[in-house]
Amino acid sequence: MTHFPIDYFQVVLQENIPLSEDEIKHIDKQRSEFFKDAPGILMTATLFIMAIAYYFIQHEINLQYYHYILFVFAGIAMFGLFYLFVWLTFRSFKNDWKKDIINGKNKLSSVIISRHKTENDEYIVTFAGRHKGEKFSLPVKKADYYHYPIGTKVLVSYLKYSKEVLEITEL
């Protein structure tokens, strides 16, 4: 918990602020770059996994021509499954971006109450909400994470659905 008093009357949340053209272009750029390299990466990973599997089973069984055909179909099915996972993830992000464009951004004038780093090198900062017990946890850039210590009063502009901080400034 926090070891400093929080004045909840100074915490202000402004919702549904329209996005600027630059922010919409940023979202469109993310959308176009998300799926760009996925098929090549998935194909490389699938071929690598199939090569490892072939290496370990080539001496175990006497491979006939139909084994190779089944092996190719298994590779295609594995590629299709991985591609489905990436496509479903993309759809989820695409829906979040669409909601963000329609609803706009939020601005929160608040205090940083905690920070933590995940094992995947994500930097999460938690801001105090308007009421006691209400919190907003958002991933931030590494530079922002180290620049703003706990207890700093900040103004955060973020996208509500995709949980992306657009701008953070100290008040």
N, C-alpha and C. Protein backbone atom coordinates (compact mmCIF):
# COMPACT_ATOMS: atom_id res chain seq x y z
N MET A 1 0.82 -1.19 0.00
CA MET A 1 0.00 0.00 0.00
C MET A 1 0.86 1.25 0.00
N THR A 2 0.22 2.35 -0.18
CA THR A 2 0.92 3.62 -0.23
C THR A 2 1.24 4.12 1.18
N HIS A 3 2.36 4.81 1.29
CA HIS A 3 2.78 5.37 2.57
C HIS A 3 2.67 6.88 2.56
N PHE A 4 1.84 7.42 1.72
CA PHE A 4 1.64 8.86 1.64
C PHE A 4 0.15 9.11 1.44
N PRO A 5 -0.34 10.23 1.93
CA PRO A 5 -1.78 10.51 1.78
C PRO A 5 -2.12 10.90 0.35
N ILE A 6 -3.28 10.46 -0.09
CA ILE A 6 -3.76 10.78 -1.43
C ILE A 6 -5.02 11.62 -1.28
N ASP A 7 -5.01 12.76 -1.93
CA ASP A 7 -6.18 13.63 -1.93
C ASP A 7 -7.05 13.22 -3.12
N TYR A 8 -8.09 12.45 -2.86
CA TYR A 8 -8.92 11.92 -3.93
C TYR A 8 -9.75 13.00 -4.61
N PHE A 9 -9.86 14.17 -4.01
CA PHE A 9 -10.58 15.27 -4.64
C PHE A 9 -9.77 15.88 -5.78
N GLN A 10 -8.45 15.66 -5.79
CA GLN A 10 -7.61 16.19 -6.85
C GLN A 10 -7.45 15.21 -8.02
N VAL A 11 -7.92 14.01 -7.85
CA VAL A 11 -7.86 13.02 -8.94
C VAL A 11 -9.01 13.30 -9.90
N VAL A 12 -8.67 13.58 -11.17
CA VAL A 12 -9.68 13.94 -12.16
C VAL A 12 -9.53 13.00 -13.36
N LEU A 13 -10.64 12.44 -13.79
CA LEU A 13 -10.67 11.59 -14.97
C LEU A 13 -11.58 12.21 -16.01
N GLN A 14 -11.02 12.53 -17.17
CA GLN A 14 -11.80 13.04 -18.30
C GLN A 14 -11.88 11.92 -19.32
N GLU A 15 -13.09 11.55 -19.69
CA GLU A 15 -13.28 10.42 -20.60
C GLU A 15 -13.78 10.89 -21.95
N ASN A 16 -13.58 10.02 -22.95
CA ASN A 16 -14.10 10.19 -24.31
C ASN A 16 -13.66 11.49 -24.96
N ILE A 17 -12.39 11.81 -24.87
CA ILE A 17 -11.81 12.97 -25.55
C ILE A 17 -11.48 12.52 -26.98
N PRO A 18 -11.94 13.24 -28.00
CA PRO A 18 -11.67 12.82 -29.38
C PRO A 18 -10.17 12.74 -29.67
N LEU A 19 -9.81 11.78 -30.49
CA LEU A 19 -8.41 11.59 -30.86
C LEU A 19 -8.01 12.58 -31.95
N SER A 20 -6.75 12.97 -31.93
CA SER A 20 -6.23 13.84 -32.99
C SER A 20 -5.89 12.98 -34.22
N GLU A 21 -5.60 13.63 -35.32
CA GLU A 21 -5.25 12.91 -36.56
C GLU A 21 -3.97 12.09 -36.37
N ASP A 22 -2.99 12.64 -35.64
CA ASP A 22 -1.74 11.92 -35.41
C ASP A 22 -1.97 10.65 -34.59
N GLU A 23 -2.84 10.73 -33.62
CA GLU A 23 -3.13 9.55 -32.79
C GLU A 23 -3.88 8.49 -33.60
N ILE A 24 -4.76 8.91 -34.47
CA ILE A 24 -5.46 7.94 -35.33
C ILE A 24 -4.47 7.31 -36.31
N LYS A 25 -3.55 8.09 -36.85
CA LYS A 25 -2.51 7.54 -37.75
C LYS A 25 -1.63 6.55 -37.00
N HIS A 26 -1.33 6.84 -35.74
CA HIS A 26 -0.53 5.92 -34.92
C HIS A 26 -1.25 4.58 -34.75
N ILE A 27 -2.54 4.62 -34.51
CA ILE A 27 -3.32 3.39 -34.36
C ILE A 27 -3.36 2.63 -35.70
N ASP A 28 -3.54 3.35 -36.81
CA ASP A 28 -3.55 2.71 -38.13
C ASP A 28 -2.20 2.08 -38.46
N LYS A 29 -1.12 2.73 -38.05
CA LYS A 29 0.22 2.18 -38.27
C LYS A 29 0.39 0.89 -37.47
N GLN A 30 -0.06 0.88 -36.22
CA GLN A 30 0.01 -0.34 -35.41
C GLN A 30 -0.80 -1.46 -36.06
N ARG A 31 -1.96 -1.12 -36.58
CA ARG A 31 -2.84 -2.10 -37.21
C ARG A 31 -2.17 -2.71 -38.44
N SER A 32 -1.54 -1.88 -39.26
CA SER A 32 -0.94 -2.38 -40.50
C SER A 32 0.35 -3.17 -40.23
N GLU A 33 1.08 -2.81 -39.19
CA GLU A 33 2.34 -3.50 -38.91
C GLU A 33 2.18 -4.77 -38.08
N PHE A 34 1.03 -4.96 -37.46
CA PHE A 34 0.85 -6.10 -36.57
C PHE A 34 0.96 -7.42 -37.32
N PHE A 35 0.30 -7.52 -38.46
CA PHE A 35 0.18 -8.78 -39.17
C PHE A 35 1.19 -8.92 -40.30
N LYS A 36 2.04 -7.91 -40.49
CA LYS A 36 2.91 -7.87 -41.65
C LYS A 36 3.89 -9.04 -41.70
N ASP A 37 4.57 -9.35 -40.63
CA ASP A 37 5.61 -10.38 -40.63
C ASP A 37 5.14 -11.73 -40.10
N ALA A 38 3.90 -11.83 -39.68
CA ALA A 38 3.40 -13.04 -39.03
C ALA A 38 3.52 -14.31 -39.90
N PRO A 39 3.09 -14.30 -41.17
CA PRO A 39 3.18 -15.55 -41.94
C PRO A 39 4.61 -16.06 -42.10
N GLY A 40 5.56 -15.17 -42.35
CA GLY A 40 6.95 -15.60 -42.49
C GLY A 40 7.52 -16.16 -41.21
N ILE A 41 7.23 -15.52 -40.11
CA ILE A 41 7.73 -16.00 -38.81
C ILE A 41 7.09 -17.34 -38.47
N LEU A 42 5.78 -17.47 -38.72
CA LEU A 42 5.11 -18.74 -38.45
C LEU A 42 5.64 -19.86 -39.34
N MET A 43 5.90 -19.55 -40.60
CA MET A 43 6.42 -20.57 -41.52
C MET A 43 7.81 -21.03 -41.06
N THR A 44 8.65 -20.09 -40.67
CA THR A 44 9.99 -20.43 -40.19
C THR A 44 9.92 -21.28 -38.93
N ALA A 45 9.07 -20.90 -38.00
CA ALA A 45 8.93 -21.67 -36.76
C ALA A 45 8.38 -23.07 -37.03
N THR A 46 7.42 -23.17 -37.93
CA THR A 46 6.85 -24.48 -38.26
C THR A 46 7.89 -25.37 -38.91
N LEU A 47 8.65 -24.83 -39.86
CA LEU A 47 9.70 -25.63 -40.50
C LEU A 47 10.77 -26.06 -39.51
N PHE A 48 11.11 -25.19 -38.57
CA PHE A 48 12.10 -25.52 -37.55
C PHE A 48 11.59 -26.65 -36.66
N ILE A 49 10.34 -26.58 -36.24
CA ILE A 49 9.75 -27.63 -35.39
C ILE A 49 9.67 -28.95 -36.17
N MET A 50 9.30 -28.86 -37.44
CA MET A 50 9.22 -30.08 -38.25
C MET A 50 10.61 -30.69 -38.47
N ALA A 51 11.63 -29.86 -38.65
CA ALA A 51 12.99 -30.38 -38.82
C ALA A 51 13.46 -31.10 -37.56
N ILE A 52 13.15 -30.54 -36.41
CA ILE A 52 13.53 -31.20 -35.15
C ILE A 52 12.78 -32.52 -35.01
N ALA A 53 11.49 -32.53 -35.31
CA ALA A 53 10.70 -33.76 -35.22
C ALA A 53 11.23 -34.81 -36.19
N TYR A 54 11.56 -34.41 -37.41
CA TYR A 54 12.09 -35.35 -38.40
C TYR A 54 13.42 -35.93 -37.94
N TYR A 55 14.27 -35.10 -37.36
CA TYR A 55 15.57 -35.56 -36.89
C TYR A 55 15.41 -36.66 -35.83
N PHE A 56 14.45 -36.51 -34.94
CA PHE A 56 14.29 -37.48 -33.86
C PHE A 56 13.54 -38.74 -34.28
N ILE A 57 12.71 -38.68 -35.32
CA ILE A 57 11.97 -39.88 -35.69
C ILE A 57 12.55 -40.61 -36.90
N GLN A 58 13.54 -40.03 -37.57
CA GLN A 58 14.03 -40.68 -38.79
C GLN A 58 14.66 -42.05 -38.54
N HIS A 59 15.24 -42.27 -37.38
CA HIS A 59 15.87 -43.55 -37.09
C HIS A 59 14.95 -44.50 -36.32
N GLU A 60 13.83 -43.98 -35.84
CA GLU A 60 12.93 -44.80 -35.03
C GLU A 60 12.03 -45.68 -35.88
N ILE A 61 11.54 -45.15 -36.98
CA ILE A 61 10.64 -45.92 -37.84
C ILE A 61 11.18 -45.90 -39.26
N ASN A 62 10.83 -46.92 -40.00
CA ASN A 62 11.20 -47.00 -41.41
C ASN A 62 10.21 -46.13 -42.19
N LEU A 63 10.65 -44.99 -42.65
CA LEU A 63 9.76 -44.02 -43.29
C LEU A 63 9.46 -44.42 -44.73
N GLN A 64 8.19 -44.49 -45.05
CA GLN A 64 7.71 -44.74 -46.39
C GLN A 64 7.23 -43.43 -47.00
N TYR A 65 6.84 -43.45 -48.28
CA TYR A 65 6.40 -42.22 -48.95
C TYR A 65 5.16 -41.63 -48.29
N TYR A 66 4.23 -42.44 -47.80
CA TYR A 66 3.01 -41.92 -47.18
C TYR A 66 3.30 -41.26 -45.82
N HIS A 67 4.39 -41.68 -45.16
CA HIS A 67 4.78 -40.99 -43.94
C HIS A 67 5.18 -39.54 -44.23
N TYR A 68 5.88 -39.35 -45.33
CA TYR A 68 6.28 -37.99 -45.70
C TYR A 68 5.07 -37.13 -46.05
N ILE A 69 4.09 -37.73 -46.71
CA ILE A 69 2.87 -36.99 -47.04
C ILE A 69 2.13 -36.61 -45.76
N LEU A 70 2.01 -37.56 -44.82
CA LEU A 70 1.37 -37.25 -43.53
C LEU A 70 2.16 -36.19 -42.76
N PHE A 71 3.48 -36.27 -42.86
CA PHE A 71 4.33 -35.29 -42.19
C PHE A 71 4.10 -33.89 -42.75
N VAL A 72 3.96 -33.76 -44.06
CA VAL A 72 3.69 -32.46 -44.69
C VAL A 72 2.32 -31.95 -44.26
N PHE A 73 1.31 -32.82 -44.25
CA PHE A 73 -0.03 -32.39 -43.82
C PHE A 73 -0.04 -31.99 -42.34
N ALA A 74 0.72 -32.67 -41.52
CA ALA A 74 0.83 -32.29 -40.11
C ALA A 74 1.47 -30.90 -39.99
N GLY A 75 2.47 -30.63 -40.82
CA GLY A 75 3.10 -29.30 -40.82
C GLY A 75 2.13 -28.22 -41.26
N ILE A 76 1.34 -28.51 -42.28
CA ILE A 76 0.34 -27.55 -42.74
C ILE A 76 -0.71 -27.31 -41.66
N ALA A 77 -1.14 -28.38 -40.99
CA ALA A 77 -2.12 -28.22 -39.91
C ALA A 77 -1.52 -27.42 -38.75
N MET A 78 -0.26 -27.65 -38.42
CA MET A 78 0.38 -26.90 -37.34
C MET A 78 0.50 -25.42 -37.72
N PHE A 79 0.88 -25.14 -38.97
CA PHE A 79 0.95 -23.76 -39.44
C PHE A 79 -0.43 -23.10 -39.36
N GLY A 80 -1.45 -23.84 -39.79
CA GLY A 80 -2.82 -23.31 -39.74
C GLY A 80 -3.27 -23.00 -38.32
N LEU A 81 -2.92 -23.86 -37.39
CA LEU A 81 -3.30 -23.64 -35.99
C LEU A 81 -2.60 -22.40 -35.43
N PHE A 82 -1.29 -22.28 -35.68
CA PHE A 82 -0.56 -21.09 -35.23
C PHE A 82 -1.10 -19.83 -35.88
N TYR A 83 -1.42 -19.91 -37.17
CA TYR A 83 -1.95 -18.76 -37.88
C TYR A 83 -3.31 -18.36 -37.31
N LEU A 84 -4.12 -19.34 -36.93
CA LEU A 84 -5.41 -19.06 -36.31
C LEU A 84 -5.23 -18.31 -35.00
N PHE A 85 -4.26 -18.74 -34.18
CA PHE A 85 -3.99 -18.03 -32.92
C PHE A 85 -3.59 -16.58 -33.15
N VAL A 86 -2.71 -16.35 -34.12
CA VAL A 86 -2.28 -14.98 -34.42
C VAL A 86 -3.45 -14.17 -34.97
N TRP A 87 -4.25 -14.77 -35.81
CA TRP A 87 -5.40 -14.07 -36.40
C TRP A 87 -6.42 -13.70 -35.32
N LEU A 88 -6.69 -14.60 -34.38
CA LEU A 88 -7.63 -14.30 -33.29
C LEU A 88 -7.08 -13.19 -32.39
N THR A 89 -5.79 -13.21 -32.13
CA THR A 89 -5.17 -12.13 -31.35
C THR A 89 -5.29 -10.81 -32.08
N PHE A 90 -5.04 -10.83 -33.38
CA PHE A 90 -5.16 -9.62 -34.20
C PHE A 90 -6.58 -9.09 -34.17
N ARG A 91 -7.57 -9.97 -34.28
CA ARG A 91 -8.97 -9.55 -34.22
C ARG A 91 -9.30 -8.87 -32.89
N SER A 92 -8.76 -9.42 -31.81
CA SER A 92 -8.99 -8.83 -30.49
C SER A 92 -8.40 -7.42 -30.43
N PHE A 93 -7.15 -7.28 -30.87
CA PHE A 93 -6.52 -5.96 -30.90
C PHE A 93 -7.27 -5.01 -31.83
N LYS A 94 -7.71 -5.52 -32.97
CA LYS A 94 -8.42 -4.69 -33.95
C LYS A 94 -9.72 -4.15 -33.36
N ASN A 95 -10.44 -4.99 -32.61
CA ASN A 95 -11.67 -4.53 -31.95
C ASN A 95 -11.37 -3.47 -30.89
N ASP A 96 -10.27 -3.67 -30.14
CA ASP A 96 -9.89 -2.66 -29.14
C ASP A 96 -9.53 -1.34 -29.81
N TRP A 97 -8.79 -1.38 -30.92
CA TRP A 97 -8.42 -0.15 -31.63
C TRP A 97 -9.66 0.54 -32.19
N LYS A 98 -10.60 -0.25 -32.68
CA LYS A 98 -11.84 0.32 -33.22
C LYS A 98 -12.62 1.04 -32.11
N LYS A 99 -12.73 0.41 -30.94
CA LYS A 99 -13.41 1.04 -29.81
C LYS A 99 -12.69 2.31 -29.38
N ASP A 100 -11.35 2.28 -29.40
CA ASP A 100 -10.59 3.47 -29.01
C ASP A 100 -10.81 4.62 -29.99
N ILE A 101 -10.89 4.33 -31.27
CA ILE A 101 -11.13 5.39 -32.26
C ILE A 101 -12.53 5.97 -32.06
N ILE A 102 -13.52 5.13 -31.80
CA ILE A 102 -14.89 5.60 -31.61
C ILE A 102 -15.03 6.38 -30.30
N ASN A 103 -14.49 5.85 -29.20
CA ASN A 103 -14.69 6.45 -27.89
C ASN A 103 -13.66 7.51 -27.51
N GLY A 104 -12.54 7.55 -28.19
CA GLY A 104 -11.52 8.55 -27.88
C GLY A 104 -10.61 8.12 -26.75
N LYS A 105 -9.86 9.08 -26.24
CA LYS A 105 -8.89 8.79 -25.19
C LYS A 105 -9.39 9.32 -23.85
N ASN A 106 -8.72 8.91 -22.80
CA ASN A 106 -9.01 9.39 -21.45
C ASN A 106 -7.81 10.16 -20.94
N LYS A 107 -8.07 11.16 -20.11
CA LYS A 107 -7.00 11.88 -19.42
C LYS A 107 -7.23 11.74 -17.93
N LEU A 108 -6.19 11.34 -17.23
CA LEU A 108 -6.26 11.12 -15.80
C LEU A 108 -5.21 11.97 -15.11
N SER A 109 -5.66 12.82 -14.22
CA SER A 109 -4.76 13.60 -13.37
C SER A 109 -4.74 12.89 -12.02
N SER A 110 -3.62 12.26 -11.70
CA SER A 110 -3.59 11.38 -10.54
C SER A 110 -2.20 11.31 -9.93
N VAL A 111 -2.05 10.38 -9.01
CA VAL A 111 -0.79 10.14 -8.31
C VAL A 111 -0.36 8.70 -8.57
N ILE A 112 0.93 8.50 -8.77
CA ILE A 112 1.46 7.15 -8.95
C ILE A 112 1.52 6.49 -7.58
N ILE A 113 0.81 5.36 -7.43
CA ILE A 113 0.79 4.69 -6.13
C ILE A 113 1.67 3.44 -6.09
N SER A 114 1.97 2.86 -7.26
CA SER A 114 2.91 1.73 -7.27
C SER A 114 3.44 1.53 -8.68
N ARG A 115 4.54 0.80 -8.75
CA ARG A 115 5.16 0.46 -10.03
C ARG A 115 5.70 -0.96 -9.90
N HIS A 116 5.67 -1.68 -10.98
CA HIS A 116 6.33 -2.98 -10.98
C HIS A 116 6.70 -3.37 -12.41
N LYS A 117 7.68 -4.23 -12.50
CA LYS A 117 8.17 -4.72 -13.78
C LYS A 117 7.83 -6.20 -13.87
N THR A 118 7.26 -6.61 -14.99
CA THR A 118 6.91 -8.02 -15.15
C THR A 118 8.11 -8.80 -15.66
N GLU A 119 7.98 -10.11 -15.68
CA GLU A 119 9.08 -10.94 -16.15
C GLU A 119 9.29 -10.84 -17.66
N ASN A 120 8.32 -10.26 -18.38
CA ASN A 120 8.45 -10.08 -19.82
C ASN A 120 8.92 -8.67 -20.18
N ASP A 121 9.53 -7.98 -19.22
CA ASP A 121 10.03 -6.62 -19.41
C ASP A 121 8.94 -5.63 -19.78
N GLU A 122 7.78 -5.78 -19.17
CA GLU A 122 6.74 -4.77 -19.28
C GLU A 122 6.81 -3.94 -18.00
N TYR A 123 6.65 -2.65 -18.17
CA TYR A 123 6.73 -1.74 -17.04
C TYR A 123 5.32 -1.22 -16.74
N ILE A 124 4.78 -1.60 -15.59
CA ILE A 124 3.42 -1.28 -15.21
C ILE A 124 3.43 -0.24 -14.11
N VAL A 125 2.66 0.84 -14.31
CA VAL A 125 2.52 1.88 -13.31
C VAL A 125 1.06 1.92 -12.90
N THR A 126 0.79 1.99 -11.59
CA THR A 126 -0.56 2.04 -11.06
C THR A 126 -0.84 3.44 -10.54
N PHE A 127 -1.96 4.00 -11.01
CA PHE A 127 -2.38 5.34 -10.63
C PHE A 127 -3.59 5.24 -9.71
N ALA A 128 -3.72 6.20 -8.81
CA ALA A 128 -4.87 6.25 -7.91
C ALA A 128 -6.11 6.65 -8.69
N GLY A 129 -7.23 6.04 -8.35
CA GLY A 129 -8.51 6.38 -8.98
C GLY A 129 -9.21 7.48 -8.20
N ARG A 130 -10.46 7.73 -8.60
CA ARG A 130 -11.23 8.81 -7.99
C ARG A 130 -11.73 8.46 -6.60
N HIS A 131 -11.80 7.19 -6.30
CA HIS A 131 -12.30 6.74 -5.00
C HIS A 131 -11.26 5.85 -4.34
N LYS A 132 -11.34 5.71 -3.06
CA LYS A 132 -10.40 4.87 -2.35
C LYS A 132 -10.57 3.42 -2.83
N GLY A 133 -9.48 2.81 -3.17
CA GLY A 133 -9.51 1.44 -3.67
C GLY A 133 -9.58 1.34 -5.18
N GLU A 134 -9.91 2.42 -5.87
CA GLU A 134 -9.96 2.40 -7.33
C GLU A 134 -8.56 2.67 -7.87
N LYS A 135 -8.12 1.86 -8.82
CA LYS A 135 -6.77 1.97 -9.37
C LYS A 135 -6.83 1.84 -10.89
N PHE A 136 -5.85 2.44 -11.54
CA PHE A 136 -5.66 2.30 -12.98
C PHE A 136 -4.24 1.81 -13.20
N SER A 137 -4.08 0.59 -13.69
CA SER A 137 -2.76 0.04 -14.00
C SER A 137 -2.55 0.08 -15.50
N LEU A 138 -1.49 0.73 -15.93
CA LEU A 138 -1.21 0.89 -17.35
C LEU A 138 0.25 0.58 -17.65
N PRO A 139 0.52 -0.09 -18.77
CA PRO A 139 1.92 -0.29 -19.17
C PRO A 139 2.50 1.01 -19.72
N VAL A 140 3.72 1.33 -19.33
CA VAL A 140 4.38 2.55 -19.78
C VAL A 140 5.74 2.18 -20.39
N LYS A 141 6.35 3.16 -21.03
CA LYS A 141 7.69 2.96 -21.58
C LYS A 141 8.70 2.90 -20.44
N LYS A 142 9.83 2.28 -20.72
CA LYS A 142 10.86 2.11 -19.71
C LYS A 142 11.35 3.46 -19.17
N ALA A 143 11.53 4.44 -20.06
CA ALA A 143 12.00 5.76 -19.64
C ALA A 143 11.01 6.42 -18.70
N ASP A 144 9.71 6.31 -18.99
CA ASP A 144 8.69 6.88 -18.11
C ASP A 144 8.64 6.15 -16.77
N TYR A 145 8.86 4.87 -16.80
CA TYR A 145 8.83 4.06 -15.58
C TYR A 145 9.90 4.54 -14.60
N TYR A 146 11.09 4.79 -15.10
CA TYR A 146 12.18 5.22 -14.22
C TYR A 146 12.17 6.72 -13.94
N HIS A 147 11.49 7.49 -14.78
CA HIS A 147 11.48 8.95 -14.61
C HIS A 147 10.53 9.41 -13.51
N TYR A 148 9.41 8.71 -13.33
CA TYR A 148 8.38 9.12 -12.37
C TYR A 148 8.34 8.16 -11.19
N PRO A 149 8.83 8.58 -10.00
CA PRO A 149 8.79 7.70 -8.83
C PRO A 149 7.39 7.65 -8.21
N ILE A 150 7.24 6.75 -7.28
CA ILE A 150 5.97 6.62 -6.56
C ILE A 150 5.70 7.92 -5.80
N GLY A 151 4.47 8.39 -5.85
CA GLY A 151 4.07 9.62 -5.18
C GLY A 151 4.06 10.84 -6.07
N THR A 152 4.48 10.68 -7.33
CA THR A 152 4.51 11.80 -8.27
C THR A 152 3.11 12.06 -8.81
N LYS A 153 2.69 13.31 -8.84
CA LYS A 153 1.41 13.67 -9.42
C LYS A 153 1.63 13.88 -10.92
N VAL A 154 0.85 13.17 -11.73
CA VAL A 154 1.04 13.18 -13.18
C VAL A 154 -0.28 13.36 -13.91
N LEU A 155 -0.18 13.74 -15.17
CA LEU A 155 -1.32 13.80 -16.09
C LEU A 155 -1.06 12.76 -17.16
N VAL A 156 -1.92 11.76 -17.22
CA VAL A 156 -1.75 10.64 -18.15
C VAL A 156 -2.85 10.68 -19.19
N SER A 157 -2.45 10.61 -20.44
CA SER A 157 -3.39 10.50 -21.54
C SER A 157 -3.24 9.08 -22.09
N TYR A 158 -4.34 8.30 -22.10
CA TYR A 158 -4.24 6.90 -22.49
C TYR A 158 -5.48 6.44 -23.27
N LEU A 159 -5.29 5.34 -24.00
CA LEU A 159 -6.40 4.70 -24.70
C LEU A 159 -7.00 3.66 -23.76
N LYS A 160 -8.30 3.74 -23.57
CA LYS A 160 -8.97 2.93 -22.56
C LYS A 160 -8.96 1.43 -22.89
N TYR A 161 -9.26 1.06 -24.11
CA TYR A 161 -9.44 -0.36 -24.43
C TYR A 161 -8.13 -1.06 -24.77
N SER A 162 -7.23 -0.39 -25.47
CA SER A 162 -5.96 -1.04 -25.81
C SER A 162 -4.90 -0.82 -24.75
N LYS A 163 -5.24 -0.09 -23.68
CA LYS A 163 -4.34 0.12 -22.54
C LYS A 163 -2.97 0.63 -22.98
N GLU A 164 -2.97 1.69 -23.77
CA GLU A 164 -1.72 2.27 -24.24
C GLU A 164 -1.63 3.71 -23.77
N VAL A 165 -0.52 4.04 -23.13
CA VAL A 165 -0.29 5.40 -22.66
C VAL A 165 0.21 6.23 -23.83
N LEU A 166 -0.51 7.29 -24.16
CA LEU A 166 -0.10 8.17 -25.24
C LEU A 166 0.88 9.23 -24.76
N GLU A 167 0.61 9.77 -23.57
CA GLU A 167 1.44 10.84 -23.05
C GLU A 167 1.36 10.84 -21.53
N ILE A 168 2.47 11.11 -20.89
CA ILE A 168 2.50 11.23 -19.44
C ILE A 168 3.39 12.42 -19.10
N THR A 169 2.84 13.32 -18.28
CA THR A 169 3.59 14.51 -17.87
C THR A 169 3.41 14.73 -16.38
N GLU A 170 4.43 15.30 -15.78
CA GLU A 170 4.40 15.59 -14.34
C GLU A 170 3.67 16.91 -14.11
N LEU A 171 2.83 16.96 -13.10
CA LEU A 171 2.11 18.19 -12.75
C LEU A 171 2.84 18.95 -11.66
